[in-house]
Amino acid sequence: MFLLYKIEVENQLNKKIKRVRSDRGGEYVLMNNYCEKKGIIHEVTPPYSPESNGVAERKNRNLKEMMNVMLVSSSAPDNLWGEVILSAYHLQNKISCKKTGLTPYQL
C-alpha cells in the first residue's frame, strides 16, 4: 500500500516523500529496506508506547467508542462490528473540524 501511496503523491502533488513515521510493527521490515534504497527516512515510535502515536490512537479510540455506542443503541448483533465501524468512519469524515471549519471529506 505504501508503494501505491508513494506513486499517488508523486503523480498528483509532484512531491517526493522524504520521511515516513510508523510504529514498530514487524510488517514494516520490507518497507525499511525500500526506504533505505530510496533515501526516505523511516522513523519509528519508541517500543511499548502507543501514546507516542497520539493522533492515530485517539482516532482509533473514537471510532471504537462510536462503534460500541451504535451497536448497543441499535441492539444489532456484535458480528456486524465491521459494517458499523465503516459507518462510524464515514460519519467522522462528515463532521467539521474546529480548526478549519471544513470536514475531512472536504479537505
C-alpha atoms as a PDB file:
ATOM      1  CA  MET A   1       0.000   0.000   0.000  1.00  0.00           C
ATOM      2  CA  PHE A   2       2.879   2.360   0.707  1.00  0.00           C
ATOM      3  CA  LEU A   3       4.177   1.950  -2.845  1.00  0.00           C
ATOM      4  CA  LEU A   4       0.755   2.888  -4.237  1.00  0.00           C
ATOM      5  CA  TYR A   5       0.589   5.886  -1.898  1.00  0.00           C
ATOM      6  CA  LYS A   6       4.093   6.990  -2.913  1.00  0.00           C
ATOM      7  CA  ILE A   7       3.187   6.852  -6.604  1.00  0.00           C
ATOM      8  CA  GLU A   8      -0.021   8.798  -5.969  1.00  0.00           C
ATOM      9  CA  VAL A   9       1.817  11.537  -4.034  1.00  0.00           C
ATOM     10  CA  GLU A  10       4.482  11.868  -6.704  1.00  0.00           C
ATOM     11  CA  ASN A  11       1.992  11.945  -9.599  1.00  0.00           C
ATOM     12  CA  GLN A  12      -0.694  14.178  -8.121  1.00  0.00           C
ATOM     13  CA  LEU A  13       1.308  16.530  -5.904  1.00  0.00           C
ATOM     14  CA  ASN A  14       4.642  16.493  -7.742  1.00  0.00           C
ATOM     15  CA  LYS A  15       6.418  15.990  -4.416  1.00  0.00           C
ATOM     16  CA  LYS A  16       8.788  13.361  -3.113  1.00  0.00           C
ATOM     17  CA  ILE A  17       8.252  11.608   0.206  1.00  0.00           C
ATOM     18  CA  LYS A  18      11.207  12.398   2.442  1.00  0.00           C
ATOM     19  CA  ARG A  19      10.126  10.969   5.791  1.00  0.00           C
ATOM     20  CA  VAL A  20       7.697   8.275   6.986  1.00  0.00           C
ATOM     21  CA  ARG A  21       6.674   7.630  10.574  1.00  0.00           C
ATOM     22  CA  SER A  22       5.231   4.327  11.784  1.00  0.00           C
ATOM     23  CA  ASP A  23       5.046   2.117  14.833  1.00  0.00           C
ATOM     24  CA  ARG A  24       7.489  -0.730  15.383  1.00  0.00           C
ATOM     25  CA  GLY A  25       5.254  -3.290  13.706  1.00  0.00           C
ATOM     26  CA  GLY A  26       7.037  -6.282  12.228  1.00  0.00           C
ATOM     27  CA  GLU A  27       5.165  -5.721   8.966  1.00  0.00           C
ATOM     28  CA  TYR A  28       7.453  -2.784   8.162  1.00  0.00           C
ATOM     29  CA  VAL A  29      10.677  -4.780   7.700  1.00  0.00           C
ATOM     30  CA  LEU A  30      10.383  -4.793   3.903  1.00  0.00           C
ATOM     31  CA  MET A  31       9.381  -1.136   3.926  1.00  0.00           C
ATOM     32  CA  ASN A  32      12.506  -0.329   5.935  1.00  0.00           C
ATOM     33  CA  ASN A  33      14.714  -1.805   3.205  1.00  0.00           C
ATOM     34  CA  TYR A  34      12.771   0.022   0.489  1.00  0.00           C
ATOM     35  CA  CYS A  35      13.064   3.346   2.324  1.00  0.00           C
ATOM     36  CA  GLU A  36      16.822   2.906   2.719  1.00  0.00           C
ATOM     37  CA  LYS A  37      17.226   2.288  -1.022  1.00  0.00           C
ATOM     38  CA  LYS A  38      15.104   5.345  -1.941  1.00  0.00           C
ATOM     39  CA  GLY A  39      16.652   7.691   0.644  1.00  0.00           C
ATOM     40  CA  ILE A  40      13.440   8.028   2.666  1.00  0.00           C
ATOM     41  CA  ILE A  41      13.885   8.447   6.419  1.00  0.00           C
ATOM     42  CA  HIS A  42      11.777   5.851   8.260  1.00  0.00           C
ATOM     43  CA  GLU A  43      11.067   6.984  11.816  1.00  0.00           C
ATOM     44  CA  VAL A  44       9.592   4.545  14.313  1.00  0.00           C
ATOM     45  CA  THR A  45       7.950   5.175  17.663  1.00  0.00           C
ATOM     46  CA  PRO A  46       9.587   4.019  20.902  1.00  0.00           C
ATOM     47  CA  PRO A  47       8.726   0.419  21.877  1.00  0.00           C
ATOM     48  CA  TYR A  48       5.636  -0.195  24.030  1.00  0.00           C
ATOM     49  CA  SER A  49       4.483   3.431  23.862  1.00  0.00           C
ATOM     50  CA  PRO A  50       1.275   3.797  21.844  1.00  0.00           C
ATOM     51  CA  GLU A  51       0.899   7.282  23.324  1.00  0.00           C
ATOM     52  CA  SER A  52       3.715   8.398  21.002  1.00  0.00           C
ATOM     53  CA  ASN A  53       1.310   7.909  18.133  1.00  0.00           C
ATOM     54  CA  GLY A  54      -1.297  10.138  19.776  1.00  0.00           C
ATOM     55  CA  VAL A  55      -3.380  11.288  16.821  1.00  0.00           C
ATOM     56  CA  ALA A  56      -3.900   7.813  15.396  1.00  0.00           C
ATOM     57  CA  GLU A  57      -4.562   6.304  18.828  1.00  0.00           C
ATOM     58  CA  ARG A  58      -7.193   8.971  19.605  1.00  0.00           C
ATOM     59  CA  LYS A  59      -8.866   8.433  16.249  1.00  0.00           C
ATOM     60  CA  ASN A  60      -8.927   4.660  16.804  1.00  0.00           C
ATOM     61  CA  ARG A  61     -10.365   5.137  20.294  1.00  0.00           C
ATOM     62  CA  ASN A  62     -13.067   7.497  18.988  1.00  0.00           C
ATOM     63  CA  LEU A  63     -14.005   5.069  16.219  1.00  0.00           C
ATOM     64  CA  LYS A  64     -14.214   2.173  18.669  1.00  0.00           C
ATOM     65  CA  GLU A  65     -16.372   4.199  21.073  1.00  0.00           C
ATOM     66  CA  MET A  66     -18.684   5.253  18.238  1.00  0.00           C
ATOM     67  CA  MET A  67     -18.932   1.631  17.104  1.00  0.00           C
ATOM     68  CA  ASN A  68     -19.821   0.441  20.619  1.00  0.00           C
ATOM     69  CA  VAL A  69     -22.497   3.117  21.043  1.00  0.00           C
ATOM     70  CA  MET A  70     -24.001   2.353  17.648  1.00  0.00           C
ATOM     71  CA  LEU A  71     -24.088  -1.403  18.339  1.00  0.00           C
ATOM     72  CA  VAL A  72     -25.631  -1.015  21.805  1.00  0.00           C
ATOM     73  CA  SER A  73     -28.195   1.638  20.861  1.00  0.00           C
ATOM     74  CA  SER A  74     -29.376  -0.282  17.792  1.00  0.00           C
ATOM     75  CA  SER A  75     -29.382  -3.693  19.511  1.00  0.00           C
ATOM     76  CA  ALA A  76     -27.508  -5.020  16.482  1.00  0.00           C
ATOM     77  CA  PRO A  77     -25.544  -8.267  16.853  1.00  0.00           C
ATOM     78  CA  ASP A  78     -21.836  -7.946  17.597  1.00  0.00           C
ATOM     79  CA  ASN A  79     -20.860  -9.716  14.384  1.00  0.00           C
ATOM     80  CA  LEU A  80     -21.816  -6.546  12.455  1.00  0.00           C
ATOM     81  CA  TRP A  81     -18.945  -4.591  14.015  1.00  0.00           C
ATOM     82  CA  GLY A  82     -17.132  -4.285  10.667  1.00  0.00           C
ATOM     83  CA  GLU A  83     -20.053  -2.580   8.932  1.00  0.00           C
ATOM     84  CA  VAL A  84     -20.704  -0.411  11.981  1.00  0.00           C
ATOM     85  CA  ILE A  85     -17.103   0.814  12.193  1.00  0.00           C
ATOM     86  CA  LEU A  86     -17.193   1.691   8.477  1.00  0.00           C
ATOM     87  CA  SER A  87     -20.335   3.729   9.149  1.00  0.00           C
ATOM     88  CA  ALA A  88     -18.644   5.444  12.105  1.00  0.00           C
ATOM     89  CA  TYR A  89     -15.647   6.270   9.914  1.00  0.00           C
ATOM     90  CA  HIS A  90     -17.964   7.696   7.245  1.00  0.00           C
ATOM     91  CA  LEU A  91     -19.669   9.868   9.875  1.00  0.00           C
ATOM     92  CA  GLN A  92     -16.339  11.144  11.212  1.00  0.00           C
ATOM     93  CA  ASN A  93     -15.375  12.253   7.708  1.00  0.00           C
ATOM     94  CA  LYS A  94     -18.565  14.337   7.506  1.00  0.00           C
ATOM     95  CA  ILE A  95     -18.078  16.208  10.816  1.00  0.00           C
ATOM     96  CA  SER A  96     -16.320  19.575  10.507  1.00  0.00           C
ATOM     97  CA  CYS A  97     -13.037  20.282  12.295  1.00  0.00           C
ATOM     98  CA  LYS A  98     -12.873  23.079  14.860  1.00  0.00           C
ATOM     99  CA  LYS A  99      -9.629  24.427  13.446  1.00  0.00           C
ATOM    100  CA  THR A 100     -10.573  24.807   9.760  1.00  0.00           C
ATOM    101  CA  GLY A 101     -14.365  24.609   9.789  1.00  0.00           C
ATOM    102  CA  LEU A 102     -14.157  22.062   6.962  1.00  0.00           C
ATOM    103  CA  THR A 103     -14.888  18.365   7.050  1.00  0.00           C
ATOM    104  CA  PRO A 104     -12.098  15.850   6.413  1.00  0.00           C
ATOM    105  CA  TYR A 105     -14.033  14.884   3.282  1.00  0.00           C
ATOM    106  CA  GLN A 106     -13.802  18.473   2.002  1.00  0.00           C
ATOM    107  CA  LEU A 107     -10.107  18.682   2.823  1.00  0.00           C
END
